[in-house]
Amino acid sequence: ALIALCDVEANYLLVLAYQYTDITSVTLLDAFTVPCVMLLSRVVLGTRYLRRQLAAVCICLAGLSLLVITDAFQRPMHERQPLPWLGDTLALVGAALYS
């Protein structure tokens, strides 16, 4: 039941994120699921990862961080997407719940 609740909440948050930011940001930020799954598998299952895999996760997180920073500070505000940082946050939380 907890897994179903997390899945429903993740879907809700991602759909809600579309109201605050654009579809490109939501789609790219959904990639945050992969680092979350890797962290959970390390903690719960004790999985070990190669340095190459950890480097790839760091590149992924760096790209996601740059996207959030760009949305929050450098993108001109549009009337259709009034709070892009909020949409990015909702997308990240939704992606984390998917894991």
PDB file of N, CA and C in Angstrom:
ATOM      1  N   ALA A   1       0.818  -1.190   0.000  1.00  0.00           N
ATOM      2  CA  ALA A   1       0.000   0.000   0.000  1.00  0.00           C
ATOM      3  C   ALA A   1       0.863   1.256   0.000  1.00  0.00           C
ATOM      4  N   LEU A   2       2.030   1.195   0.677  1.00  0.00           N
ATOM      5  CA  LEU A   2       2.931   2.341   0.722  1.00  0.00           C
ATOM      6  C   LEU A   2       3.523   2.625  -0.655  1.00  0.00           C
ATOM      7  N   ILE A   3       3.843   1.573  -1.388  1.00  0.00           N
ATOM      8  CA  ILE A   3       4.400   1.751  -2.730  1.00  0.00           C
ATOM      9  C   ILE A   3       3.371   2.398  -3.648  1.00  0.00           C
ATOM     10  N   ALA A   4       2.121   1.959  -3.542  1.00  0.00           N
ATOM     11  CA  ALA A   4       1.062   2.543  -4.359  1.00  0.00           C
ATOM     12  C   ALA A   4       0.854   4.011  -4.012  1.00  0.00           C
ATOM     13  N   LEU A   5       0.901   4.343  -2.737  1.00  0.00           N
ATOM     14  CA  LEU A   5       0.746   5.732  -2.309  1.00  0.00           C
ATOM     15  C   LEU A   5       1.876   6.602  -2.871  1.00  0.00           C
ATOM     16  N   CYS A   6       3.107   6.098  -2.807  1.00  0.00           N
ATOM     17  CA  CYS A   6       4.246   6.839  -3.357  1.00  0.00           C
ATOM     18  C   CYS A   6       4.098   7.051  -4.854  1.00  0.00           C
ATOM     19  N   ASP A   7       3.617   6.034  -5.562  1.00  0.00           N
ATOM     20  CA  ASP A   7       3.443   6.139  -7.001  1.00  0.00           C
ATOM     21  C   ASP A   7       2.369   7.168  -7.357  1.00  0.00           C
ATOM     22  N   VAL A   8       1.264   7.140  -6.652  1.00  0.00           N
ATOM     23  CA  VAL A   8       0.186   8.099  -6.915  1.00  0.00           C
ATOM     24  C   VAL A   8       0.653   9.515  -6.594  1.00  0.00           C
ATOM     25  N   GLU A   9       1.326   9.678  -5.493  1.00  0.00           N
ATOM     26  CA  GLU A   9       1.814  11.008  -5.111  1.00  0.00           C
ATOM     27  C   GLU A   9       2.851  11.523  -6.105  1.00  0.00           C
ATOM     28  N   ALA A  10       3.720  10.642  -6.596  1.00  0.00           N
ATOM     29  CA  ALA A  10       4.719  11.039  -7.591  1.00  0.00           C
ATOM     30  C   ALA A  10       4.037  11.495  -8.877  1.00  0.00           C
ATOM     31  N   ASN A  11       3.026  10.764  -9.318  1.00  0.00           N
ATOM     32  CA  ASN A  11       2.280  11.175 -10.509  1.00  0.00           C
ATOM     33  C   ASN A  11       1.620  12.529 -10.299  1.00  0.00           C
ATOM     34  N   TYR A  12       1.019  12.721  -9.149  1.00  0.00           N
ATOM     35  CA  TYR A  12       0.357  13.988  -8.850  1.00  0.00           C
ATOM     36  C   TYR A  12       1.352  15.146  -8.866  1.00  0.00           C
ATOM     37  N   LEU A  13       2.510  14.952  -8.239  1.00  0.00           N
ATOM     38  CA  LEU A  13       3.497  16.028  -8.177  1.00  0.00           C
ATOM     39  C   LEU A  13       4.054  16.369  -9.557  1.00  0.00           C
ATOM     40  N   LEU A  14       4.261  15.356 -10.396  1.00  0.00           N
ATOM     41  CA  LEU A  14       4.773  15.641 -11.732  1.00  0.00           C
ATOM     42  C   LEU A  14       3.737  16.372 -12.584  1.00  0.00           C
ATOM     43  N   VAL A  15       2.488  15.999 -12.471  1.00  0.00           N
ATOM     44  CA  VAL A  15       1.452  16.717 -13.212  1.00  0.00           C
ATOM     45  C   VAL A  15       1.315  18.140 -12.687  1.00  0.00           C
ATOM     46  N   LEU A  16       1.416  18.319 -11.390  1.00  0.00           N
ATOM     47  CA  LEU A  16       1.357  19.657 -10.799  1.00  0.00           C
ATOM     48  C   LEU A  16       2.558  20.508 -11.236  1.00  0.00           C
ATOM     49  N   ALA A  17       3.712  19.876 -11.416  1.00  0.00           N
ATOM     50  CA  ALA A  17       4.918  20.608 -11.824  1.00  0.00           C
ATOM     51  C   ALA A  17       4.746  21.257 -13.192  1.00  0.00           C
ATOM     52  N   TYR A  18       3.933  20.665 -14.054  1.00  0.00           N
ATOM     53  CA  TYR A  18       3.708  21.241 -15.384  1.00  0.00           C
ATOM     54  C   TYR A  18       3.050  22.617 -15.316  1.00  0.00           C
ATOM     55  N   GLN A  19       2.366  22.924 -14.237  1.00  0.00           N
ATOM     56  CA  GLN A  19       1.731  24.237 -14.097  1.00  0.00           C
ATOM     57  C   GLN A  19       2.750  25.329 -13.786  1.00  0.00           C
ATOM     58  N   TYR A  20       3.906  24.951 -13.264  1.00  0.00           N
ATOM     59  CA  TYR A  20       4.873  25.951 -12.821  1.00  0.00           C
ATOM     60  C   TYR A  20       6.122  26.030 -13.679  1.00  0.00           C
ATOM     61  N   THR A  21       6.424  25.013 -14.427  1.00  0.00           N
ATOM     62  CA  THR A  21       7.603  25.044 -15.291  1.00  0.00           C
ATOM     63  C   THR A  21       7.255  24.367 -16.606  1.00  0.00           C
ATOM     64  N   ASP A  22       8.176  24.369 -17.543  1.00  0.00           N
ATOM     65  CA  ASP A  22       7.859  23.835 -18.859  1.00  0.00           C
ATOM     66  C   ASP A  22       8.118  22.330 -18.946  1.00  0.00           C
ATOM     67  N   ILE A  23       7.640  21.752 -20.022  1.00  0.00           N
ATOM     68  CA  ILE A  23       7.692  20.301 -20.180  1.00  0.00           C
ATOM     69  C   ILE A  23       9.136  19.797 -20.294  1.00  0.00           C
ATOM     70  N   THR A  24      10.016  20.605 -20.856  1.00  0.00           N
ATOM     71  CA  THR A  24      11.413  20.203 -20.989  1.00  0.00           C
ATOM     72  C   THR A  24      12.059  20.015 -19.621  1.00  0.00           C
ATOM     73  N   SER A  25      11.824  20.942 -18.735  1.00  0.00           N
ATOM     74  CA  SER A  25      12.412  20.846 -17.399  1.00  0.00           C
ATOM     75  C   SER A  25      11.868  19.642 -16.641  1.00  0.00           C
ATOM     76  N   VAL A  26      10.565  19.418 -16.714  1.00  0.00           N
ATOM     77  CA  VAL A  26       9.970  18.286 -16.005  1.00  0.00           C
ATOM     78  C   VAL A  26      10.510  16.971 -16.542  1.00  0.00           C
ATOM     79  N   THR A  27      10.630  16.870 -17.856  1.00  0.00           N
ATOM     80  CA  THR A  27      11.135  15.639 -18.461  1.00  0.00           C
ATOM     81  C   THR A  27      12.577  15.378 -18.073  1.00  0.00           C
ATOM     82  N   LEU A  28      13.397  16.404 -18.104  1.00  0.00           N
ATOM     83  CA  LEU A  28      14.805  16.219 -17.741  1.00  0.00           C
ATOM     84  C   LEU A  28      14.977  15.961 -16.244  1.00  0.00           C
ATOM     85  N   LEU A  29      14.198  16.636 -15.430  1.00  0.00           N
ATOM     86  CA  LEU A  29      14.316  16.440 -13.986  1.00  0.00           C
ATOM     87  C   LEU A  29      13.792  15.084 -13.542  1.00  0.00           C
ATOM     88  N   ASP A  30      12.996  14.453 -14.378  1.00  0.00           N
ATOM     89  CA  ASP A  30      12.522  13.107 -14.067  1.00  0.00           C
ATOM     90  C   ASP A  30      13.676  12.102 -14.065  1.00  0.00           C
ATOM     91  N   ALA A  31      14.796  12.481 -14.667  1.00  0.00           N
ATOM     92  CA  ALA A  31      15.983  11.624 -14.652  1.00  0.00           C
ATOM     93  C   ALA A  31      16.598  11.517 -13.251  1.00  0.00           C
ATOM     94  N   PHE A  32      16.113  12.312 -12.311  1.00  0.00           N
ATOM     95  CA  PHE A  32      16.594  12.240 -10.930  1.00  0.00           C
ATOM     96  C   PHE A  32      16.228  10.909 -10.278  1.00  0.00           C
ATOM     97  N   THR A  33      15.337  10.165 -10.905  1.00  0.00           N
ATOM     98  CA  THR A  33      14.949   8.853 -10.389  1.00  0.00           C
ATOM     99  C   THR A  33      16.139   7.903 -10.338  1.00  0.00           C
ATOM    100  N   VAL A  34      17.005   7.971 -11.340  1.00  0.00           N
ATOM    101  CA  VAL A  34      18.139   7.038 -11.418  1.00  0.00           C
ATOM    102  C   VAL A  34      19.107   7.202 -10.231  1.00  0.00           C
ATOM    103  N   PRO A  35      19.567   8.423  -9.909  1.00  0.00           N
ATOM    104  CA  PRO A  35      20.424   8.542  -8.725  1.00  0.00           C
ATOM    105  C   PRO A  35      19.717   8.136  -7.428  1.00  0.00           C
ATOM    106  N   CYS A  36      18.424   8.404  -7.337  1.00  0.00           N
ATOM    107  CA  CYS A  36      17.675   7.995  -6.137  1.00  0.00           C
ATOM    108  C   CYS A  36      17.617   6.479  -6.005  1.00  0.00           C
ATOM    109  N   VAL A  37      17.383   5.796  -7.125  1.00  0.00           N
ATOM    110  CA  VAL A  37      17.345   4.334  -7.098  1.00  0.00           C
ATOM    111  C   VAL A  37      18.711   3.773  -6.740  1.00  0.00           C
ATOM    112  N   MET A  38      19.762   4.383  -7.265  1.00  0.00           N
ATOM    113  CA  MET A  38      21.110   3.911  -6.930  1.00  0.00           C
ATOM    114  C   MET A  38      21.401   4.092  -5.443  1.00  0.00           C
ATOM    115  N   LEU A  39      20.977   5.208  -4.881  1.00  0.00           N
ATOM    116  CA  LEU A  39      21.183   5.443  -3.452  1.00  0.00           C
ATOM    117  C   LEU A  39      20.390   4.446  -2.615  1.00  0.00           C
ATOM    118  N   LEU A  40      19.138   4.224  -2.987  1.00  0.00           N
ATOM    119  CA  LEU A  40      18.322   3.253  -2.245  1.00  0.00           C
ATOM    120  C   LEU A  40      18.882   1.836  -2.349  1.00  0.00           C
ATOM    121  N   SER A  41      19.360   1.457  -3.530  1.00  0.00           N
ATOM    122  CA  SER A  41      19.911   0.114  -3.667  1.00  0.00           C
ATOM    123  C   SER A  41      21.210  -0.031  -2.889  1.00  0.00           C
ATOM    124  N   ARG A  42      21.948   1.055  -2.748  1.00  0.00           N
ATOM    125  CA  ARG A  42      23.178   1.011  -1.925  1.00  0.00           C
ATOM    126  C   ARG A  42      22.819   0.847  -0.454  1.00  0.00           C
ATOM    127  N   VAL A  43      21.844   1.615   0.005  1.00  0.00           N
ATOM    128  CA  VAL A  43      21.477   1.597   1.421  1.00  0.00           C
ATOM    129  C   VAL A  43      20.741   0.301   1.791  1.00  0.00           C
ATOM    130  N   VAL A  44      19.765  -0.078   0.983  1.00  0.00           N
ATOM    131  CA  VAL A  44      18.918  -1.216   1.333  1.00  0.00           C
ATOM    132  C   VAL A  44      19.556  -2.543   0.960  1.00  0.00           C
ATOM    133  N   LEU A  45      20.102  -2.613  -0.244  1.00  0.00           N
ATOM    134  CA  LEU A  45      20.618  -3.882  -0.744  1.00  0.00           C
ATOM    135  C   LEU A  45      22.130  -4.044  -0.616  1.00  0.00           C
ATOM    136  N   GLY A  46      22.817  -2.947  -0.340  1.00  0.00           N
ATOM    137  CA  GLY A  46      24.269  -3.013  -0.214  1.00  0.00           C
ATOM    138  C   GLY A  46      24.993  -3.132  -1.550  1.00  0.00           C
ATOM    139  N   THR A  47      24.367  -2.683  -2.612  1.00  0.00           N
ATOM    140  CA  THR A  47      24.960  -2.757  -3.942  1.00  0.00           C
ATOM    141  C   THR A  47      26.198  -1.872  -4.012  1.00  0.00           C
ATOM    142  N   ARG A  48      27.229  -2.387  -4.676  1.00  0.00           N
ATOM    143  CA  ARG A  48      28.451  -1.602  -4.882  1.00  0.00           C
ATOM    144  C   ARG A  48      28.509  -1.163  -6.332  1.00  0.00           C
ATOM    145  N   TYR A  49      28.947   0.057  -6.542  1.00  0.00           N
ATOM    146  CA  TYR A  49      29.015   0.612  -7.885  1.00  0.00           C
ATOM    147  C   TYR A  49      30.460   0.915  -8.254  1.00  0.00           C
ATOM    148  N   LEU A  50      30.730   0.824  -9.540  1.00  0.00           N
ATOM    149  CA  LEU A  50      32.051   1.155 -10.051  1.00  0.00           C
ATOM    150  C   LEU A  50      32.250   2.661 -10.051  1.00  0.00           C
ATOM    151  N   ARG A  51      33.502   3.080 -10.096  1.00  0.00           N
ATOM    152  CA  ARG A  51      33.779   4.518 -10.133  1.00  0.00           C
ATOM    153  C   ARG A  51      33.173   5.166 -11.373  1.00  0.00           C
ATOM    154  N   ARG A  52      33.158   4.433 -12.460  1.00  0.00           N
ATOM    155  CA  ARG A  52      32.582   4.954 -13.696  1.00  0.00           C
ATOM    156  C   ARG A  52      31.086   5.228 -13.517  1.00  0.00           C
ATOM    157  N   GLN A  53      30.399   4.352 -12.816  1.00  0.00           N
ATOM    158  CA  GLN A  53      28.977   4.553 -12.572  1.00  0.00           C
ATOM    159  C   GLN A  53      28.739   5.735 -11.631  1.00  0.00           C
ATOM    160  N   LEU A  54      29.568   5.861 -10.614  1.00  0.00           N
ATOM    161  CA  LEU A  54      29.441   6.994  -9.697  1.00  0.00           C
ATOM    162  C   LEU A  54      29.760   8.312 -10.386  1.00  0.00           C
ATOM    163  N   ALA A  55      30.729   8.280 -11.297  1.00  0.00           N
ATOM    164  CA  ALA A  55      31.048   9.488 -12.062  1.00  0.00           C
ATOM    165  C   ALA A  55      29.866   9.880 -12.949  1.00  0.00           C
ATOM    166  N   ALA A  56      29.207   8.891 -13.529  1.00  0.00           N
ATOM    167  CA  ALA A  56      28.036   9.173 -14.368  1.00  0.00           C
ATOM    168  C   ALA A  56      26.909   9.791 -13.543  1.00  0.00           C
ATOM    169  N   VAL A  57      26.722   9.309 -12.317  1.00  0.00           N
ATOM    170  CA  VAL A  57      25.696   9.893 -11.443  1.00  0.00           C
ATOM    171  C   VAL A  57      26.062  11.327 -11.084  1.00  0.00           C
ATOM    172  N   CYS A  58      27.331  11.586 -10.844  1.00  0.00           N
ATOM    173  CA  CYS A  58      27.756  12.959 -10.533  1.00  0.00           C
ATOM    174  C   CYS A  58      27.514  13.892 -11.716  1.00  0.00           C
ATOM    175  N   ILE A  59      27.761  13.406 -12.931  1.00  0.00           N
ATOM    176  CA  ILE A  59      27.487  14.213 -14.121  1.00  0.00           C
ATOM    177  C   ILE A  59      25.983  14.476 -14.237  1.00  0.00           C
ATOM    178  N   CYS A  60      25.194  13.456 -13.981  1.00  0.00           N
ATOM    179  CA  CYS A  60      23.737  13.601 -14.015  1.00  0.00           C
ATOM    180  C   CYS A  60      23.270  14.647 -13.005  1.00  0.00           C
ATOM    181  N   LEU A  61      23.758  14.555 -11.788  1.00  0.00           N
ATOM    182  CA  LEU A  61      23.358  15.506 -10.745  1.00  0.00           C
ATOM    183  C   LEU A  61      23.843  16.916 -11.046  1.00  0.00           C
ATOM    184  N   ALA A  62      25.030  17.041 -11.642  1.00  0.00           N
ATOM    185  CA  ALA A  62      25.529  18.365 -12.017  1.00  0.00           C
ATOM    186  C   ALA A  62      24.635  18.991 -13.084  1.00  0.00           C
ATOM    187  N   GLY A  63      24.225  18.199 -14.061  1.00  0.00           N
ATOM    188  CA  GLY A  63      23.335  18.710 -15.098  1.00  0.00           C
ATOM    189  C   GLY A  63      21.983  19.116 -14.550  1.00  0.00           C
ATOM    190  N   LEU A  64      21.449  18.297 -13.651  1.00  0.00           N
ATOM    191  CA  LEU A  64      20.163  18.638 -13.036  1.00  0.00           C
ATOM    192  C   LEU A  64      20.276  19.904 -12.193  1.00  0.00           C
ATOM    193  N   SER A  65      21.391  20.050 -11.492  1.00  0.00           N
ATOM    194  CA  SER A  65      21.607  21.258 -10.684  1.00  0.00           C
ATOM    195  C   SER A  65      21.676  22.497 -11.568  1.00  0.00           C
ATOM    196  N   LEU A  66      22.377  22.392 -12.683  1.00  0.00           N
ATOM    197  CA  LEU A  66      22.460  23.532 -13.604  1.00  0.00           C
ATOM    198  C   LEU A  66      21.085  23.883 -14.181  1.00  0.00           C
ATOM    199  N   LEU A  67      20.291  22.881 -14.454  1.00  0.00           N
ATOM    200  CA  LEU A  67      18.945  23.134 -14.971  1.00  0.00           C
ATOM    201  C   LEU A  67      18.090  23.878 -13.952  1.00  0.00           C
ATOM    202  N   VAL A  68      18.157  23.455 -12.698  1.00  0.00           N
ATOM    203  CA  VAL A  68      17.375  24.125 -11.650  1.00  0.00           C
ATOM    204  C   VAL A  68      17.863  25.555 -11.456  1.00  0.00           C
ATOM    205  N   ILE A  69      19.176  25.747 -11.449  1.00  0.00           N
ATOM    206  CA  ILE A  69      19.726  27.103 -11.283  1.00  0.00           C
ATOM    207  C   ILE A  69      19.310  27.992 -12.447  1.00  0.00           C
ATOM    208  N   THR A  70      19.388  27.462 -13.655  1.00  0.00           N
ATOM    209  CA  THR A  70      18.990  28.232 -14.830  1.00  0.00           C
ATOM    210  C   THR A  70      17.519  28.602 -14.768  1.00  0.00           C
ATOM    211  N   ASP A  71      16.685  27.644 -14.385  1.00  0.00           N
ATOM    212  CA  ASP A  71      15.253  27.937 -14.279  1.00  0.00           C
ATOM    213  C   ASP A  71      14.969  28.977 -13.207  1.00  0.00           C
ATOM    214  N   ALA A  72      15.687  28.899 -12.105  1.00  0.00           N
ATOM    215  CA  ALA A  72      15.391  29.790 -10.975  1.00  0.00           C
ATOM    216  C   ALA A  72      15.891  31.216 -11.185  1.00  0.00           C
ATOM    217  N   PHE A  73      17.046  31.367 -11.831  1.00  0.00           N
ATOM    218  CA  PHE A  73      17.663  32.694 -11.844  1.00  0.00           C
ATOM    219  C   PHE A  73      17.786  33.346 -13.212  1.00  0.00           C
ATOM    220  N   GLN A  74      17.977  32.574 -14.265  1.00  0.00           N
ATOM    221  CA  GLN A  74      18.307  33.201 -15.534  1.00  0.00           C
ATOM    222  C   GLN A  74      17.197  33.162 -16.565  1.00  0.00           C
ATOM    223  N   ARG A  75      16.224  32.330 -16.405  1.00  0.00           N
ATOM    224  CA  ARG A  75      15.138  32.265 -17.374  1.00  0.00           C
ATOM    225  C   ARG A  75      14.185  33.425 -17.129  1.00  0.00           C
ATOM    226  N   PRO A  76      13.815  34.132 -18.201  1.00  0.00           N
ATOM    227  CA  PRO A  76      12.823  35.205 -18.000  1.00  0.00           C
ATOM    228  C   PRO A  76      11.488  34.616 -17.573  1.00  0.00           C
ATOM    229  N   MET A  77      10.843  35.295 -16.696  1.00  0.00           N
ATOM    230  CA  MET A  77       9.561  34.814 -16.185  1.00  0.00           C
ATOM    231  C   MET A  77       8.479  34.962 -17.244  1.00  0.00           C
ATOM    232  N   HIS A  78       7.723  33.924 -17.416  1.00  0.00           N
ATOM    233  CA  HIS A  78       6.606  33.935 -18.345  1.00  0.00           C
ATOM    234  C   HIS A  78       5.320  33.896 -17.529  1.00  0.00           C
ATOM    235  N   GLU A  79       4.273  34.372 -18.116  1.00  0.00           N
ATOM    236  CA  GLU A  79       2.994  34.330 -17.420  1.00  0.00           C
ATOM    237  C   GLU A  79       2.485  32.904 -17.265  1.00  0.00           C
ATOM    238  N   ARG A  80       2.831  32.037 -18.228  1.00  0.00           N
ATOM    239  CA  ARG A  80       2.351  30.658 -18.154  1.00  0.00           C
ATOM    240  C   ARG A  80       3.122  29.834 -17.130  1.00  0.00           C
ATOM    241  N   GLN A  81       4.371  30.173 -16.877  1.00  0.00           N
ATOM    242  CA  GLN A  81       5.170  29.469 -15.874  1.00  0.00           C
ATOM    243  C   GLN A  81       5.668  30.484 -14.843  1.00  0.00           C
ATOM    244  N   PRO A  82       4.835  30.822 -13.873  1.00  0.00           N
ATOM    245  CA  PRO A  82       5.178  31.910 -12.961  1.00  0.00           C
ATOM    246  C   PRO A  82       6.278  31.571 -11.952  1.00  0.00           C
ATOM    247  N   LEU A  83       6.388  30.318 -11.541  1.00  0.00           N
ATOM    248  CA  LEU A  83       7.373  29.927 -10.538  1.00  0.00           C
ATOM    249  C   LEU A  83       8.129  28.686 -11.009  1.00  0.00           C
ATOM    250  N   PRO A  84       9.108  28.854 -11.908  1.00  0.00           N
ATOM    251  CA  PRO A  84       9.790  27.671 -12.437  1.00  0.00           C
ATOM    252  C   PRO A  84      10.556  26.894 -11.370  1.00  0.00           C
ATOM    253  N   TRP A  85      11.058  27.556 -10.351  1.00  0.00           N
ATOM    254  CA  TRP A  85      11.794  26.834  -9.307  1.00  0.00           C
ATOM    255  C   TRP A  85      10.857  25.910  -8.522  1.00  0.00           C
ATOM    256  N   LEU A  86       9.606  26.324  -8.354  1.00  0.00           N
ATOM    257  CA  LEU A  86       8.638  25.481  -7.663  1.00  0.00           C
ATOM    258  C   LEU A  86       8.297  24.250  -8.506  1.00  0.00           C
ATOM    259  N   GLY A  87       8.123  24.441  -9.793  1.00  0.00           N
ATOM    260  CA  GLY A  87       7.883  23.321 -10.680  1.00  0.00           C
ATOM    261  C   GLY A  87       9.045  22.347 -10.697  1.00  0.00           C
ATOM    262  N   ASP A  88      10.269  22.889 -10.670  1.00  0.00           N
ATOM    263  CA  ASP A  88      11.458  22.028 -10.626  1.00  0.00           C
ATOM    264  C   ASP A  88      11.509  21.233  -9.326  1.00  0.00           C
ATOM    265  N   THR A  89      11.178  21.882  -8.229  1.00  0.00           N
ATOM    266  CA  THR A  89      11.176  21.198  -6.933  1.00  0.00           C
ATOM    267  C   THR A  89      10.130  20.089  -6.895  1.00  0.00           C
ATOM    268  N   LEU A  90       8.950  20.378  -7.411  1.00  0.00           N
ATOM    269  CA  LEU A  90       7.897  19.361  -7.456  1.00  0.00           C
ATOM    270  C   LEU A  90       8.316  18.178  -8.331  1.00  0.00           C
ATOM    271  N   ALA A  91       8.979  18.467  -9.450  1.00  0.00           N
ATOM    272  CA  ALA A  91       9.434  17.395 -10.335  1.00  0.00           C
ATOM    273  C   ALA A  91      10.509  16.545  -9.658  1.00  0.00           C
ATOM    274  N   LEU A  92      11.411  17.178  -8.918  1.00  0.00           N
ATOM    275  CA  LEU A  92      12.458  16.422  -8.213  1.00  0.00           C
ATOM    276  C   LEU A  92      11.869  15.536  -7.108  1.00  0.00           C
ATOM    277  N   VAL A  93      10.924  16.069  -6.373  1.00  0.00           N
ATOM    278  CA  VAL A  93      10.290  15.274  -5.308  1.00  0.00           C
ATOM    279  C   VAL A  93       9.495  14.117  -5.915  1.00  0.00           C
ATOM    280  N   GLY A  94       8.802  14.396  -7.010  1.00  0.00           N
ATOM    281  CA  GLY A  94       8.071  13.331  -7.692  1.00  0.00           C
ATOM    282  C   GLY A  94       8.999  12.254  -8.224  1.00  0.00           C
ATOM    283  N   ALA A  95      10.127  12.649  -8.781  1.00  0.00           N
ATOM    284  CA  ALA A  95      11.092  11.673  -9.283  1.00  0.00           C
ATOM    285  C   ALA A  95      11.687  10.850  -8.151  1.00  0.00           C
ATOM    286  N   ALA A  96      11.915  11.494  -7.011  1.00  0.00           N
ATOM    287  CA  ALA A  96      12.433  10.749  -5.855  1.00  0.00           C
ATOM    288  C   ALA A  96      11.408   9.739  -5.342  1.00  0.00           C
ATOM    289  N   LEU A  97      10.139  10.127  -5.398  1.00  0.00           N
ATOM    290  CA  LEU A  97       9.091   9.186  -4.945  1.00  0.00           C
ATOM    291  C   LEU A  97       8.927   8.010  -5.899  1.00  0.00           C
ATOM    292  N   TYR A  98       9.254   8.195  -7.163  1.00  0.00           N
ATOM    293  CA  TYR A  98       9.190   7.082  -8.102  1.00  0.00           C
ATOM    294  C   TYR A  98      10.176   5.978  -7.747  1.00  0.00           C
ATOM    295  N   SER A  99      11.268   6.348  -7.104  1.00  0.00           N
ATOM    296  CA  SER A  99      12.268   5.329  -6.763  1.00  0.00           C
ATOM    297  C   SER A  99      11.794   4.528  -5.569  1.00  0.00           C
TER     298      SER A  99
END
